[in-house]
Amino acid sequence: MAVNPIEMQKALGGVEYPASKKEIVDQAQKHKADKKVMEALKSLPEKQYDSPAAVNKEVGKGGS
């Protein structure tokens, strides 16, 4: 799933790291992230993420 990196960064704005998957998804919803971004974030493994780069790396693995 190709996710626009700019849209991903907008969605992750304001997240305080380390952050759980739930915190990341909740923040993306507040930012009204587009459907592809939300699908990618919802497919993330349940764990703590230390930075936006860690989220992007996991999304890049193509979770779903």
PDB file of N, CA and C in Angstrom:
ATOM      1  N   MET A   1       0.863  -1.175   0.000  1.00  0.00           N
ATOM      2  CA  MET A   1       0.000   0.000   0.000  1.00  0.00           C
ATOM      3  C   MET A   1       0.905   1.232   0.000  1.00  0.00           C
ATOM      4  N   ALA A   2       0.802   2.035  -1.035  1.00  0.00           N
ATOM      5  CA  ALA A   2       1.619   3.246  -1.120  1.00  0.00           C
ATOM      6  C   ALA A   2       0.925   4.382  -0.375  1.00  0.00           C
ATOM      7  N   VAL A   3       1.599   4.867   0.650  1.00  0.00           N
ATOM      8  CA  VAL A   3       1.066   5.968   1.451  1.00  0.00           C
ATOM      9  C   VAL A   3       1.900   7.202   1.170  1.00  0.00           C
ATOM     10  N   ASN A   4       1.236   8.311   0.900  1.00  0.00           N
ATOM     11  CA  ASN A   4       1.928   9.572   0.654  1.00  0.00           C
ATOM     12  C   ASN A   4       2.651   9.981   1.936  1.00  0.00           C
ATOM     13  N   PRO A   5       3.991  10.117   1.872  1.00  0.00           N
ATOM     14  CA  PRO A   5       4.739  10.445   3.093  1.00  0.00           C
ATOM     15  C   PRO A   5       4.366  11.800   3.688  1.00  0.00           C
ATOM     16  N   ILE A   6       3.958  12.740   2.863  1.00  0.00           N
ATOM     17  CA  ILE A   6       3.541  14.052   3.373  1.00  0.00           C
ATOM     18  C   ILE A   6       2.248  13.906   4.169  1.00  0.00           C
ATOM     19  N   GLU A   7       1.313  13.123   3.646  1.00  0.00           N
ATOM     20  CA  GLU A   7       0.058  12.890   4.365  1.00  0.00           C
ATOM     21  C   GLU A   7       0.320  12.149   5.678  1.00  0.00           C
ATOM     22  N   MET A   8       1.273  11.225   5.649  1.00  0.00           N
ATOM     23  CA  MET A   8       1.613  10.491   6.866  1.00  0.00           C
ATOM     24  C   MET A   8       2.170  11.450   7.916  1.00  0.00           C
ATOM     25  N   GLN A   9       3.057  12.343   7.516  1.00  0.00           N
ATOM     26  CA  GLN A   9       3.641  13.286   8.474  1.00  0.00           C
ATOM     27  C   GLN A   9       2.580  14.225   9.041  1.00  0.00           C
ATOM     28  N   LYS A  10       1.633  14.663   8.201  1.00  0.00           N
ATOM     29  CA  LYS A  10       0.532  15.501   8.697  1.00  0.00           C
ATOM     30  C   LYS A  10      -0.272  14.736   9.747  1.00  0.00           C
ATOM     31  N   ALA A  11      -0.534  13.466   9.469  1.00  0.00           N
ATOM     32  CA  ALA A  11      -1.332  12.641  10.382  1.00  0.00           C
ATOM     33  C   ALA A  11      -0.625  12.441  11.716  1.00  0.00           C
ATOM     34  N   LEU A  12       0.710  12.386  11.687  1.00  0.00           N
ATOM     35  CA  LEU A  12       1.480  12.124  12.907  1.00  0.00           C
ATOM     36  C   LEU A  12       1.806  13.393  13.685  1.00  0.00           C
ATOM     37  N   GLY A  13       1.433  14.539  13.152  1.00  0.00           N
ATOM     38  CA  GLY A  13       1.715  15.806  13.821  1.00  0.00           C
ATOM     39  C   GLY A  13       1.100  15.848  15.211  1.00  0.00           C
ATOM     40  N   GLY A  14       1.889  16.248  16.191  1.00  0.00           N
ATOM     41  CA  GLY A  14       1.388  16.380  17.551  1.00  0.00           C
ATOM     42  C   GLY A  14       1.489  15.127  18.396  1.00  0.00           C
ATOM     43  N   VAL A  15       1.912  14.018  17.802  1.00  0.00           N
ATOM     44  CA  VAL A  15       2.078  12.790  18.584  1.00  0.00           C
ATOM     45  C   VAL A  15       3.297  12.957  19.485  1.00  0.00           C
ATOM     46  N   GLU A  16       3.128  12.624  20.761  1.00  0.00           N
ATOM     47  CA  GLU A  16       4.249  12.666  21.702  1.00  0.00           C
ATOM     48  C   GLU A  16       4.814  11.258  21.837  1.00  0.00           C
ATOM     49  N   TYR A  17       6.077  11.123  21.510  1.00  0.00           N
ATOM     50  CA  TYR A  17       6.743   9.814  21.531  1.00  0.00           C
ATOM     51  C   TYR A  17       7.499   9.609  22.827  1.00  0.00           C
ATOM     52  N   PRO A  18       7.611   8.371  23.309  1.00  0.00           N
ATOM     53  CA  PRO A  18       7.075   7.160  22.692  1.00  0.00           C
ATOM     54  C   PRO A  18       5.547   7.152  22.733  1.00  0.00           C
ATOM     55  N   ALA A  19       4.965   6.510  21.719  1.00  0.00           N
ATOM     56  CA  ALA A  19       3.510   6.475  21.587  1.00  0.00           C
ATOM     57  C   ALA A  19       3.058   5.070  21.215  1.00  0.00           C
ATOM     58  N   SER A  20       1.887   4.709  21.700  1.00  0.00           N
ATOM     59  CA  SER A  20       1.303   3.411  21.356  1.00  0.00           C
ATOM     60  C   SER A  20       0.591   3.523  20.012  1.00  0.00           C
ATOM     61  N   LYS A  21       0.272   2.373  19.441  1.00  0.00           N
ATOM     62  CA  LYS A  21      -0.495   2.350  18.196  1.00  0.00           C
ATOM     63  C   LYS A  21      -1.796   3.137  18.378  1.00  0.00           C
ATOM     64  N   LYS A  22      -2.485   2.926  19.508  1.00  0.00           N
ATOM     65  CA  LYS A  22      -3.756   3.616  19.748  1.00  0.00           C
ATOM     66  C   LYS A  22      -3.572   5.127  19.757  1.00  0.00           C
ATOM     67  N   GLU A  23      -2.532   5.607  20.425  1.00  0.00           N
ATOM     68  CA  GLU A  23      -2.282   7.057  20.473  1.00  0.00           C
ATOM     69  C   GLU A  23      -2.018   7.612  19.073  1.00  0.00           C
ATOM     70  N   ILE A  24      -1.283   6.861  18.272  1.00  0.00           N
ATOM     71  CA  ILE A  24      -0.965   7.292  16.910  1.00  0.00           C
ATOM     72  C   ILE A  24      -2.230   7.331  16.057  1.00  0.00           C
ATOM     73  N   VAL A  25      -3.038   6.278  16.124  1.00  0.00           N
ATOM     74  CA  VAL A  25      -4.281   6.223  15.347  1.00  0.00           C
ATOM     75  C   VAL A  25      -5.240   7.328  15.791  1.00  0.00           C
ATOM     76  N   ASP A  26      -5.365   7.532  17.100  1.00  0.00           N
ATOM     77  CA  ASP A  26      -6.250   8.589  17.611  1.00  0.00           C
ATOM     78  C   ASP A  26      -5.820   9.961  17.103  1.00  0.00           C
ATOM     79  N   GLN A  27      -4.522  10.228  17.120  1.00  0.00           N
ATOM     80  CA  GLN A  27      -4.021  11.522  16.656  1.00  0.00           C
ATOM     81  C   GLN A  27      -4.282  11.688  15.160  1.00  0.00           C
ATOM     82  N   ALA A  28      -4.085  10.635  14.389  1.00  0.00           N
ATOM     83  CA  ALA A  28      -4.333  10.700  12.946  1.00  0.00           C
ATOM     84  C   ALA A  28      -5.807  11.002  12.670  1.00  0.00           C
ATOM     85  N   GLN A  29      -6.704  10.412  13.465  1.00  0.00           N
ATOM     86  CA  GLN A  29      -8.133  10.686  13.295  1.00  0.00           C
ATOM     87  C   GLN A  29      -8.437  12.155  13.585  1.00  0.00           C
ATOM     88  N   LYS A  30      -7.792  12.718  14.604  1.00  0.00           N
ATOM     89  CA  LYS A  30      -7.988  14.136  14.927  1.00  0.00           C
ATOM     90  C   LYS A  30      -7.543  15.028  13.777  1.00  0.00           C
ATOM     91  N   HIS A  31      -6.515  14.574  13.061  1.00  0.00           N
ATOM     92  CA  HIS A  31      -5.991  15.340  11.927  1.00  0.00           C
ATOM     93  C   HIS A  31      -6.729  15.019  10.632  1.00  0.00           C
ATOM     94  N   LYS A  32      -7.779  14.200  10.726  1.00  0.00           N
ATOM     95  CA  LYS A  32      -8.576  13.814   9.564  1.00  0.00           C
ATOM     96  C   LYS A  32      -7.698  13.241   8.448  1.00  0.00           C
ATOM     97  N   ALA A  33      -6.853  12.292   8.835  1.00  0.00           N
ATOM     98  CA  ALA A  33      -5.963  11.632   7.879  1.00  0.00           C
ATOM     99  C   ALA A  33      -6.782  10.913   6.810  1.00  0.00           C
ATOM    100  N   ASP A  34      -6.202  10.833   5.611  1.00  0.00           N
ATOM    101  CA  ASP A  34      -6.931  10.184   4.521  1.00  0.00           C
ATOM    102  C   ASP A  34      -7.025   8.670   4.743  1.00  0.00           C
ATOM    103  N   LYS A  35      -7.843   8.028   3.919  1.00  0.00           N
ATOM    104  CA  LYS A  35      -8.165   6.609   4.103  1.00  0.00           C
ATOM    105  C   LYS A  35      -6.921   5.717   4.056  1.00  0.00           C
ATOM    106  N   LYS A  36      -6.021   5.950   3.101  1.00  0.00           N
ATOM    107  CA  LYS A  36      -4.820   5.111   2.988  1.00  0.00           C
ATOM    108  C   LYS A  36      -3.950   5.221   4.235  1.00  0.00           C
ATOM    109  N   VAL A  37      -3.804   6.432   4.747  1.00  0.00           N
ATOM    110  CA  VAL A  37      -2.998   6.638   5.951  1.00  0.00           C
ATOM    111  C   VAL A  37      -3.641   5.909   7.125  1.00  0.00           C
ATOM    112  N   MET A  38      -4.945   6.056   7.283  1.00  0.00           N
ATOM    113  CA  MET A  38      -5.631   5.400   8.398  1.00  0.00           C
ATOM    114  C   MET A  38      -5.518   3.880   8.296  1.00  0.00           C
ATOM    115  N   GLU A  39      -5.681   3.330   7.098  1.00  0.00           N
ATOM    116  CA  GLU A  39      -5.556   1.879   6.924  1.00  0.00           C
ATOM    117  C   GLU A  39      -4.155   1.413   7.301  1.00  0.00           C
ATOM    118  N   ALA A  40      -3.145   2.178   6.876  1.00  0.00           N
ATOM    119  CA  ALA A  40      -1.758   1.818   7.183  1.00  0.00           C
ATOM    120  C   ALA A  40      -1.514   1.857   8.688  1.00  0.00           C
ATOM    121  N   LEU A  41      -1.995   2.905   9.349  1.00  0.00           N
ATOM    122  CA  LEU A  41      -1.773   3.031  10.790  1.00  0.00           C
ATOM    123  C   LEU A  41      -2.534   1.964  11.573  1.00  0.00           C
ATOM    124  N   LYS A  42      -3.741   1.652  11.132  1.00  0.00           N
ATOM    125  CA  LYS A  42      -4.530   0.631  11.830  1.00  0.00           C
ATOM    126  C   LYS A  42      -3.925  -0.760  11.665  1.00  0.00           C
ATOM    127  N   SER A  43      -3.096  -0.953  10.635  1.00  0.00           N
ATOM    128  CA  SER A  43      -2.469  -2.258  10.417  1.00  0.00           C
ATOM    129  C   SER A  43      -1.144  -2.407  11.175  1.00  0.00           C
ATOM    130  N   LEU A  44      -0.714  -1.355  11.869  1.00  0.00           N
ATOM    131  CA  LEU A  44       0.540  -1.416  12.624  1.00  0.00           C
ATOM    132  C   LEU A  44       0.459  -2.456  13.736  1.00  0.00           C
ATOM    133  N   PRO A  45       1.587  -3.096  14.042  1.00  0.00           N
ATOM    134  CA  PRO A  45       1.614  -3.992  15.209  1.00  0.00           C
ATOM    135  C   PRO A  45       1.390  -3.197  16.499  1.00  0.00           C
ATOM    136  N   GLU A  46       0.798  -3.865  17.490  1.00  0.00           N
ATOM    137  CA  GLU A  46       0.577  -3.248  18.805  1.00  0.00           C
ATOM    138  C   GLU A  46       1.906  -3.175  19.539  1.00  0.00           C
ATOM    139  N   LYS A  47       2.509  -2.000  19.581  1.00  0.00           N
ATOM    140  CA  LYS A  47       3.752  -1.794  20.321  1.00  0.00           C
ATOM    141  C   LYS A  47       3.970  -0.302  20.495  1.00  0.00           C
ATOM    142  N   GLN A  48       5.020   0.054  21.203  1.00  0.00           N
ATOM    143  CA  GLN A  48       5.386   1.457  21.385  1.00  0.00           C
ATOM    144  C   GLN A  48       6.280   1.887  20.225  1.00  0.00           C
ATOM    145  N   TYR A  49       6.064   3.090  19.739  1.00  0.00           N
ATOM    146  CA  TYR A  49       6.881   3.662  18.668  1.00  0.00           C
ATOM    147  C   TYR A  49       7.626   4.857  19.238  1.00  0.00           C
ATOM    148  N   ASP A  50       8.935   4.912  18.972  1.00  0.00           N
ATOM    149  CA  ASP A  50       9.791   5.942  19.556  1.00  0.00           C
ATOM    150  C   ASP A  50       9.852   7.231  18.754  1.00  0.00           C
ATOM    151  N   SER A  51       9.424   7.179  17.481  1.00  0.00           N
ATOM    152  CA  SER A  51       9.559   8.355  16.621  1.00  0.00           C
ATOM    153  C   SER A  51       8.697   8.193  15.376  1.00  0.00           C
ATOM    154  N   PRO A  52       8.468   9.305  14.643  1.00  0.00           N
ATOM    155  CA  PRO A  52       7.756   9.185  13.368  1.00  0.00           C
ATOM    156  C   PRO A  52       8.498   8.255  12.405  1.00  0.00           C
ATOM    157  N   ALA A  53       9.825   8.263  12.461  1.00  0.00           N
ATOM    158  CA  ALA A  53      10.610   7.389  11.584  1.00  0.00           C
ATOM    159  C   ALA A  53      10.306   5.918  11.862  1.00  0.00           C
ATOM    160  N   ALA A  54      10.107   5.574  13.136  1.00  0.00           N
ATOM    161  CA  ALA A  54       9.778   4.189  13.492  1.00  0.00           C
ATOM    162  C   ALA A  54       8.413   3.799  12.926  1.00  0.00           C
ATOM    163  N   VAL A  55       7.468   4.731  12.956  1.00  0.00           N
ATOM    164  CA  VAL A  55       6.141   4.477  12.383  1.00  0.00           C
ATOM    165  C   VAL A  55       6.271   4.291  10.877  1.00  0.00           C
ATOM    166  N   ASN A  56       6.994   5.200  10.227  1.00  0.00           N
ATOM    167  CA  ASN A  56       7.164   5.112   8.774  1.00  0.00           C
ATOM    168  C   ASN A  56       7.855   3.815   8.366  1.00  0.00           C
ATOM    169  N   LYS A  57       8.840   3.392   9.140  1.00  0.00           N
ATOM    170  CA  LYS A  57       9.554   2.150   8.843  1.00  0.00           C
ATOM    171  C   LYS A  57       8.590   0.971   8.891  1.00  0.00           C
ATOM    172  N   GLU A  58       7.742   0.934   9.911  1.00  0.00           N
ATOM    173  CA  GLU A  58       6.785  -0.167  10.056  1.00  0.00           C
ATOM    174  C   GLU A  58       5.743  -0.121   8.939  1.00  0.00           C
ATOM    175  N   VAL A  59       5.275   1.068   8.595  1.00  0.00           N
ATOM    176  CA  VAL A  59       4.310   1.218   7.500  1.00  0.00           C
ATOM    177  C   VAL A  59       4.949   0.736   6.197  1.00  0.00           C
ATOM    178  N   GLY A  60       6.233   1.043   6.026  1.00  0.00           N
ATOM    179  CA  GLY A  60       6.956   0.635   4.825  1.00  0.00           C
ATOM    180  C   GLY A  60       7.063  -0.869   4.652  1.00  0.00           C
ATOM    181  N   LYS A  61       6.916  -1.600   5.757  1.00  0.00           N
ATOM    182  CA  LYS A  61       6.944  -3.061   5.686  1.00  0.00           C
ATOM    183  C   LYS A  61       5.664  -3.608   5.071  1.00  0.00           C
ATOM    184  N   GLY A  62       4.631  -2.754   4.982  1.00  0.00           N
ATOM    185  CA  GLY A  62       3.376  -3.173   4.362  1.00  0.00           C
ATOM    186  C   GLY A  62       2.546  -4.082   5.226  1.00  0.00           C
ATOM    187  N   GLY A  63       2.268  -3.637   6.440  1.00  0.00           N
ATOM    188  CA  GLY A  63       1.523  -4.410   7.422  1.00  0.00           C
ATOM    189  C   GLY A  63       0.322  -5.168   6.918  1.00  0.00           C
ATOM    190  N   SER A  64      -0.487  -4.582   6.013  1.00  0.00           N
ATOM    191  CA  SER A  64      -1.681  -5.317   5.575  1.00  0.00           C
ATOM    192  C   SER A  64      -1.660  -5.551   4.097  1.00  0.00           C
TER     193      SER A  64
END
